[in-house]
Amino acid sequence: MSFADLKQKDVINISDGRRLGKPIDVTFTENARIEAIVVPDGIQNPWERVHRIGDDVILVEIGTEAC
């Protein structure tokens, strides 16, 4: 899957059902592994919090303190 594919999907927080937007950036570790998906309001959703990438959505679990 490419970043172009990820950019087309909505990011949904499963903790509260809120739509966070479509990814605008991805951050990487020094070892070139994905560290986080960044959404329009600047929130970085850590990769370990990504639960599922579906056909239309990316499901993440972010507590309300991070939003």
PDB file of N, CA and C in Angstrom:
ATOM      1  N   MET A   1       0.844  -1.169   0.000  1.00  0.00           N
ATOM      2  CA  MET A   1       0.000   0.000   0.000  1.00  0.00           C
ATOM      3  C   MET A   1       0.896   1.241   0.000  1.00  0.00           C
ATOM      4  N   SER A   2       0.527   2.213  -0.791  1.00  0.00           N
ATOM      5  CA  SER A   2       1.304   3.442  -0.874  1.00  0.00           C
ATOM      6  C   SER A   2       0.661   4.546  -0.041  1.00  0.00           C
ATOM      7  N   PHE A   3       1.409   5.640   0.162  1.00  0.00           N
ATOM      8  CA  PHE A   3       0.847   6.779   0.882  1.00  0.00           C
ATOM      9  C   PHE A   3      -0.311   7.380   0.099  1.00  0.00           C
ATOM     10  N   ALA A   4      -0.234   7.328  -1.218  1.00  0.00           N
ATOM     11  CA  ALA A   4      -1.342   7.820  -2.046  1.00  0.00           C
ATOM     12  C   ALA A   4      -2.632   7.052  -1.729  1.00  0.00           C
ATOM     13  N   ASP A   5      -2.511   5.764  -1.454  1.00  0.00           N
ATOM     14  CA  ASP A   5      -3.680   4.960  -1.061  1.00  0.00           C
ATOM     15  C   ASP A   5      -4.183   5.382   0.318  1.00  0.00           C
ATOM     16  N   LEU A   6      -3.261   5.576   1.272  1.00  0.00           N
ATOM     17  CA  LEU A   6      -3.650   5.970   2.626  1.00  0.00           C
ATOM     18  C   LEU A   6      -4.346   7.328   2.642  1.00  0.00           C
ATOM     19  N   LYS A   7      -3.884   8.267   1.803  1.00  0.00           N
ATOM     20  CA  LYS A   7      -4.444   9.621   1.780  1.00  0.00           C
ATOM     21  C   LYS A   7      -5.922   9.655   1.401  1.00  0.00           C
ATOM     22  N   GLN A   8      -6.409   8.607   0.785  1.00  0.00           N
ATOM     23  CA  GLN A   8      -7.803   8.559   0.344  1.00  0.00           C
ATOM     24  C   GLN A   8      -8.754   8.048   1.433  1.00  0.00           C
ATOM     25  N   LYS A   9      -8.216   7.591   2.543  1.00  0.00           N
ATOM     26  CA  LYS A   9      -9.025   6.978   3.594  1.00  0.00           C
ATOM     27  C   LYS A   9      -9.281   7.961   4.745  1.00  0.00           C
ATOM     28  N   ASP A  10     -10.454   7.893   5.350  1.00  0.00           N
ATOM     29  CA  ASP A  10     -10.766   8.683   6.532  1.00  0.00           C
ATOM     30  C   ASP A  10     -10.181   8.003   7.762  1.00  0.00           C
ATOM     31  N   VAL A  11      -9.624   8.795   8.669  1.00  0.00           N
ATOM     32  CA  VAL A  11      -9.113   8.269   9.940  1.00  0.00           C
ATOM     33  C   VAL A  11     -10.217   8.460  10.974  1.00  0.00           C
ATOM     34  N   ILE A  12     -10.620   7.362  11.607  1.00  0.00           N
ATOM     35  CA  ILE A  12     -11.699   7.361  12.599  1.00  0.00           C
ATOM     36  C   ILE A  12     -11.144   6.905  13.938  1.00  0.00           C
ATOM     37  N   ASN A  13     -11.439   7.692  14.986  1.00  0.00           N
ATOM     38  CA  ASN A  13     -11.038   7.320  16.339  1.00  0.00           C
ATOM     39  C   ASN A  13     -12.113   6.408  16.916  1.00  0.00           C
ATOM     40  N   ILE A  14     -11.767   5.159  17.183  1.00  0.00           N
ATOM     41  CA  ILE A  14     -12.771   4.214  17.683  1.00  0.00           C
ATOM     42  C   ILE A  14     -13.139   4.474  19.142  1.00  0.00           C
ATOM     43  N   SER A  15     -12.348   5.296  19.842  1.00  0.00           N
ATOM     44  CA  SER A  15     -12.676   5.616  21.241  1.00  0.00           C
ATOM     45  C   SER A  15     -13.947   6.451  21.352  1.00  0.00           C
ATOM     46  N   ASP A  16     -14.133   7.372  20.387  1.00  0.00           N
ATOM     47  CA  ASP A  16     -15.305   8.242  20.456  1.00  0.00           C
ATOM     48  C   ASP A  16     -16.068   8.348  19.129  1.00  0.00           C
ATOM     49  N   GLY A  17     -15.624   7.634  18.104  1.00  0.00           N
ATOM     50  CA  GLY A  17     -16.313   7.634  16.814  1.00  0.00           C
ATOM     51  C   GLY A  17     -16.056   8.873  15.970  1.00  0.00           C
ATOM     52  N   ARG A  18     -15.147   9.733  16.425  1.00  0.00           N
ATOM     53  CA  ARG A  18     -14.895  10.993  15.733  1.00  0.00           C
ATOM     54  C   ARG A  18     -14.056  10.784  14.482  1.00  0.00           C
ATOM     55  N   ARG A  19     -14.455  11.480  13.402  1.00  0.00           N
ATOM     56  CA  ARG A  19     -13.681  11.482  12.162  1.00  0.00           C
ATOM     57  C   ARG A  19     -12.562  12.494  12.322  1.00  0.00           C
ATOM     58  N   LEU A  20     -11.315  12.052  12.157  1.00  0.00           N
ATOM     59  CA  LEU A  20     -10.161  12.921  12.338  1.00  0.00           C
ATOM     60  C   LEU A  20      -9.672  13.535  11.036  1.00  0.00           C
ATOM     61  N   GLY A  21     -10.190  13.079   9.916  1.00  0.00           N
ATOM     62  CA  GLY A  21      -9.780  13.583   8.611  1.00  0.00           C
ATOM     63  C   GLY A  21      -8.953  12.563   7.859  1.00  0.00           C
ATOM     64  N   LYS A  22      -8.493  12.964   6.699  1.00  0.00           N
ATOM     65  CA  LYS A  22      -7.655  12.090   5.882  1.00  0.00           C
ATOM     66  C   LYS A  22      -6.186  12.368   6.209  1.00  0.00           C
ATOM     67  N   PRO A  23      -5.331  11.364   6.147  1.00  0.00           N
ATOM     68  CA  PRO A  23      -3.920  11.571   6.449  1.00  0.00           C
ATOM     69  C   PRO A  23      -3.299  12.632   5.535  1.00  0.00           C
ATOM     70  N   ILE A  24      -2.486  13.510   6.137  1.00  0.00           N
ATOM     71  CA  ILE A  24      -1.767  14.509   5.346  1.00  0.00           C
ATOM     72  C   ILE A  24      -0.272  14.244   5.339  1.00  0.00           C
ATOM     73  N   ASP A  25       0.180  13.376   6.247  1.00  0.00           N
ATOM     74  CA  ASP A  25       1.610  13.077   6.323  1.00  0.00           C
ATOM     75  C   ASP A  25       1.803  11.790   7.103  1.00  0.00           C
ATOM     76  N   VAL A  26       2.986  11.225   6.979  1.00  0.00           N
ATOM     77  CA  VAL A  26       3.395  10.046   7.738  1.00  0.00           C
ATOM     78  C   VAL A  26       4.788  10.342   8.278  1.00  0.00           C
ATOM     79  N   THR A  27       5.028  10.038   9.548  1.00  0.00           N
ATOM     80  CA  THR A  27       6.371  10.208  10.101  1.00  0.00           C
ATOM     81  C   THR A  27       7.037   8.842  10.210  1.00  0.00           C
ATOM     82  N   PHE A  28       8.360   8.845  10.132  1.00  0.00           N
ATOM     83  CA  PHE A  28       9.135   7.608  10.131  1.00  0.00           C
ATOM     84  C   PHE A  28      10.172   7.609  11.246  1.00  0.00           C
ATOM     85  N   THR A  29      10.540   6.407  11.701  1.00  0.00           N
ATOM     86  CA  THR A  29      11.637   6.244  12.653  1.00  0.00           C
ATOM     87  C   THR A  29      12.950   6.276  11.877  1.00  0.00           C
ATOM     88  N   GLU A  30      14.055   6.239  12.600  1.00  0.00           N
ATOM     89  CA  GLU A  30      15.374   6.189  11.953  1.00  0.00           C
ATOM     90  C   GLU A  30      15.538   4.941  11.089  1.00  0.00           C
ATOM     91  N   ASN A  31      14.824   3.876  11.436  1.00  0.00           N
ATOM     92  CA  ASN A  31      14.919   2.609  10.702  1.00  0.00           C
ATOM     93  C   ASN A  31      13.932   2.534   9.553  1.00  0.00           C
ATOM     94  N   ALA A  32      13.336   3.667   9.177  1.00  0.00           N
ATOM     95  CA  ALA A  32      12.397   3.764   8.057  1.00  0.00           C
ATOM     96  C   ALA A  32      11.098   2.995   8.293  1.00  0.00           C
ATOM     97  N   ARG A  33      10.699   2.885   9.547  1.00  0.00           N
ATOM     98  CA  ARG A  33       9.402   2.291   9.880  1.00  0.00           C
ATOM     99  C   ARG A  33       8.413   3.418  10.144  1.00  0.00           C
ATOM    100  N   ILE A  34       7.151   3.174   9.828  1.00  0.00           N
ATOM    101  CA  ILE A  34       6.147   4.206  10.078  1.00  0.00           C
ATOM    102  C   ILE A  34       6.013   4.415  11.575  1.00  0.00           C
ATOM    103  N   GLU A  35       6.101   5.682  11.993  1.00  0.00           N
ATOM    104  CA  GLU A  35       5.979   6.034  13.404  1.00  0.00           C
ATOM    105  C   GLU A  35       4.578   6.536  13.725  1.00  0.00           C
ATOM    106  N   ALA A  36       4.001   7.363  12.816  1.00  0.00           N
ATOM    107  CA  ALA A  36       2.682   7.945  13.074  1.00  0.00           C
ATOM    108  C   ALA A  36       2.046   8.406  11.772  1.00  0.00           C
ATOM    109  N   ILE A  37       0.724   8.472  11.808  1.00  0.00           N
ATOM    110  CA  ILE A  37      -0.062   9.058  10.722  1.00  0.00           C
ATOM    111  C   ILE A  37      -0.527  10.417  11.214  1.00  0.00           C
ATOM    112  N   VAL A  38      -0.283  11.460  10.422  1.00  0.00           N
ATOM    113  CA  VAL A  38      -0.653  12.822  10.800  1.00  0.00           C
ATOM    114  C   VAL A  38      -1.929  13.211  10.072  1.00  0.00           C
ATOM    115  N   VAL A  39      -2.904  13.758  10.833  1.00  0.00           N
ATOM    116  CA  VAL A  39      -4.170  14.218  10.254  1.00  0.00           C
ATOM    117  C   VAL A  39      -4.185  15.746  10.219  1.00  0.00           C
ATOM    118  N   PRO A  40      -5.163  16.368   9.524  1.00  0.00           N
ATOM    119  CA  PRO A  40      -5.143  17.815   9.288  1.00  0.00           C
ATOM    120  C   PRO A  40      -4.965  18.711  10.508  1.00  0.00           C
ATOM    121  N   ASP A  41      -5.480  18.367  11.660  1.00  0.00           N
ATOM    122  CA  ASP A  41      -5.331  19.249  12.820  1.00  0.00           C
ATOM    123  C   ASP A  41      -3.973  19.094  13.505  1.00  0.00           C
ATOM    124  N   GLY A  42      -3.074  18.321  12.900  1.00  0.00           N
ATOM    125  CA  GLY A  42      -1.724  18.160  13.424  1.00  0.00           C
ATOM    126  C   GLY A  42      -1.547  17.009  14.390  1.00  0.00           C
ATOM    127  N   ILE A  43      -2.630  16.338  14.730  1.00  0.00           N
ATOM    128  CA  ILE A  43      -2.522  15.196  15.638  1.00  0.00           C
ATOM    129  C   ILE A  43      -1.750  14.081  14.957  1.00  0.00           C
ATOM    130  N   GLN A  44      -0.744  13.575  15.661  1.00  0.00           N
ATOM    131  CA  GLN A  44       0.013  12.433  15.180  1.00  0.00           C
ATOM    132  C   GLN A  44      -0.538  11.184  15.851  1.00  0.00           C
ATOM    133  N   ASN A  45      -1.078  10.305  15.049  1.00  0.00           N
ATOM    134  CA  ASN A  45      -1.655   9.067  15.547  1.00  0.00           C
ATOM    135  C   ASN A  45      -0.585   7.979  15.482  1.00  0.00           C
ATOM    136  N   PRO A  46      -0.039   7.571  16.634  1.00  0.00           N
ATOM    137  CA  PRO A  46       1.043   6.582  16.638  1.00  0.00           C
ATOM    138  C   PRO A  46       0.644   5.298  15.907  1.00  0.00           C
ATOM    139  N   TRP A  47       1.582   4.752  15.162  1.00  0.00           N
ATOM    140  CA  TRP A  47       1.316   3.561  14.350  1.00  0.00           C
ATOM    141  C   TRP A  47       0.812   2.402  15.211  1.00  0.00           C
ATOM    142  N   GLU A  48       1.320   2.278  16.441  1.00  0.00           N
ATOM    143  CA  GLU A  48       0.864   1.175  17.296  1.00  0.00           C
ATOM    144  C   GLU A  48      -0.591   1.337  17.722  1.00  0.00           C
ATOM    145  N   ARG A  49      -1.181   2.522  17.522  1.00  0.00           N
ATOM    146  CA  ARG A  49      -2.591   2.765  17.836  1.00  0.00           C
ATOM    147  C   ARG A  49      -3.513   2.511  16.651  1.00  0.00           C
ATOM    148  N   VAL A  50      -2.935   2.199  15.488  1.00  0.00           N
ATOM    149  CA  VAL A  50      -3.740   1.861  14.308  1.00  0.00           C
ATOM    150  C   VAL A  50      -4.254   0.442  14.499  1.00  0.00           C
ATOM    151  N   HIS A  51      -5.576   0.290  14.508  1.00  0.00           N
ATOM    152  CA  HIS A  51      -6.169  -1.032  14.715  1.00  0.00           C
ATOM    153  C   HIS A  51      -6.441  -1.760  13.406  1.00  0.00           C
ATOM    154  N   ARG A  52      -6.856  -1.005  12.399  1.00  0.00           N
ATOM    155  CA  ARG A  52      -7.209  -1.650  11.137  1.00  0.00           C
ATOM    156  C   ARG A  52      -7.188  -0.624  10.017  1.00  0.00           C
ATOM    157  N   ILE A  53      -6.741  -1.071   8.858  1.00  0.00           N
ATOM    158  CA  ILE A  53      -6.831  -0.257   7.656  1.00  0.00           C
ATOM    159  C   ILE A  53      -7.779  -0.988   6.722  1.00  0.00           C
ATOM    160  N   GLY A  54      -8.936  -0.385   6.495  1.00  0.00           N
ATOM    161  CA  GLY A  54      -9.945  -0.985   5.643  1.00  0.00           C
ATOM    162  C   GLY A  54      -9.951  -0.373   4.257  1.00  0.00           C
ATOM    163  N   ASP A  55     -10.991  -0.688   3.486  1.00  0.00           N
ATOM    164  CA  ASP A  55     -11.105  -0.165   2.132  1.00  0.00           C
ATOM    165  C   ASP A  55     -11.278   1.351   2.122  1.00  0.00           C
ATOM    166  N   ASP A  56     -12.026   1.888   3.097  1.00  0.00           N
ATOM    167  CA  ASP A  56     -12.359   3.315   3.109  1.00  0.00           C
ATOM    168  C   ASP A  56     -11.873   4.058   4.343  1.00  0.00           C
ATOM    169  N   VAL A  57     -11.516   3.343   5.409  1.00  0.00           N
ATOM    170  CA  VAL A  57     -11.164   4.009   6.664  1.00  0.00           C
ATOM    171  C   VAL A  57      -9.924   3.392   7.305  1.00  0.00           C
ATOM    172  N   ILE A  58      -9.307   4.202   8.162  1.00  0.00           N
ATOM    173  CA  ILE A  58      -8.224   3.754   9.032  1.00  0.00           C
ATOM    174  C   ILE A  58      -8.751   3.923  10.457  1.00  0.00           C
ATOM    175  N   LEU A  59      -8.853   2.833  11.195  1.00  0.00           N
ATOM    176  CA  LEU A  59      -9.361   2.888  12.551  1.00  0.00           C
ATOM    177  C   LEU A  59      -8.199   2.997  13.536  1.00  0.00           C
ATOM    178  N   VAL A  60      -8.240   4.057  14.354  1.00  0.00           N
ATOM    179  CA  VAL A  60      -7.218   4.281  15.374  1.00  0.00           C
ATOM    180  C   VAL A  60      -7.897   4.388  16.722  1.00  0.00           C
ATOM    181  N   GLU A  61      -7.131   4.170  17.786  1.00  0.00           N
ATOM    182  CA  GLU A  61      -7.671   4.327  19.129  1.00  0.00           C
ATOM    183  C   GLU A  61      -6.801   5.339  19.866  1.00  0.00           C
ATOM    184  N   ILE A  62      -7.324   6.539  19.976  1.00  0.00           N
ATOM    185  CA  ILE A  62      -6.628   7.633  20.644  1.00  0.00           C
ATOM    186  C   ILE A  62      -7.519   8.102  21.789  1.00  0.00           C
ATOM    187  N   GLY A  63      -6.972   8.130  22.994  1.00  0.00           N
ATOM    188  CA  GLY A  63      -7.740   8.623  24.148  1.00  0.00           C
ATOM    189  C   GLY A  63      -8.060  10.092  23.998  1.00  0.00           C
ATOM    190  N   THR A  64      -9.066  10.565  24.714  1.00  0.00           N
ATOM    191  CA  THR A  64      -9.502  11.951  24.592  1.00  0.00           C
ATOM    192  C   THR A  64      -8.431  12.930  25.040  1.00  0.00           C
ATOM    193  N   GLU A  65      -7.472  12.514  25.876  1.00  0.00           N
ATOM    194  CA  GLU A  65      -6.413  13.413  26.312  1.00  0.00           C
ATOM    195  C   GLU A  65      -5.481  13.771  25.158  1.00  0.00           C
ATOM    196  N   ALA A  66      -5.402  12.907  24.109  1.00  0.00           N
ATOM    197  CA  ALA A  66      -4.533  13.185  22.965  1.00  0.00           C
ATOM    198  C   ALA A  66      -5.231  14.059  21.942  1.00  0.00           C
ATOM    199  N   CYS A  67      -6.547  14.176  22.021  1.00  0.00           N
ATOM    200  CA  CYS A  67      -7.293  14.943  21.041  1.00  0.00           C
ATOM    201  C   CYS A  67      -7.598  16.271  21.627  1.00  0.00           C
TER     202      CYS A  67
END
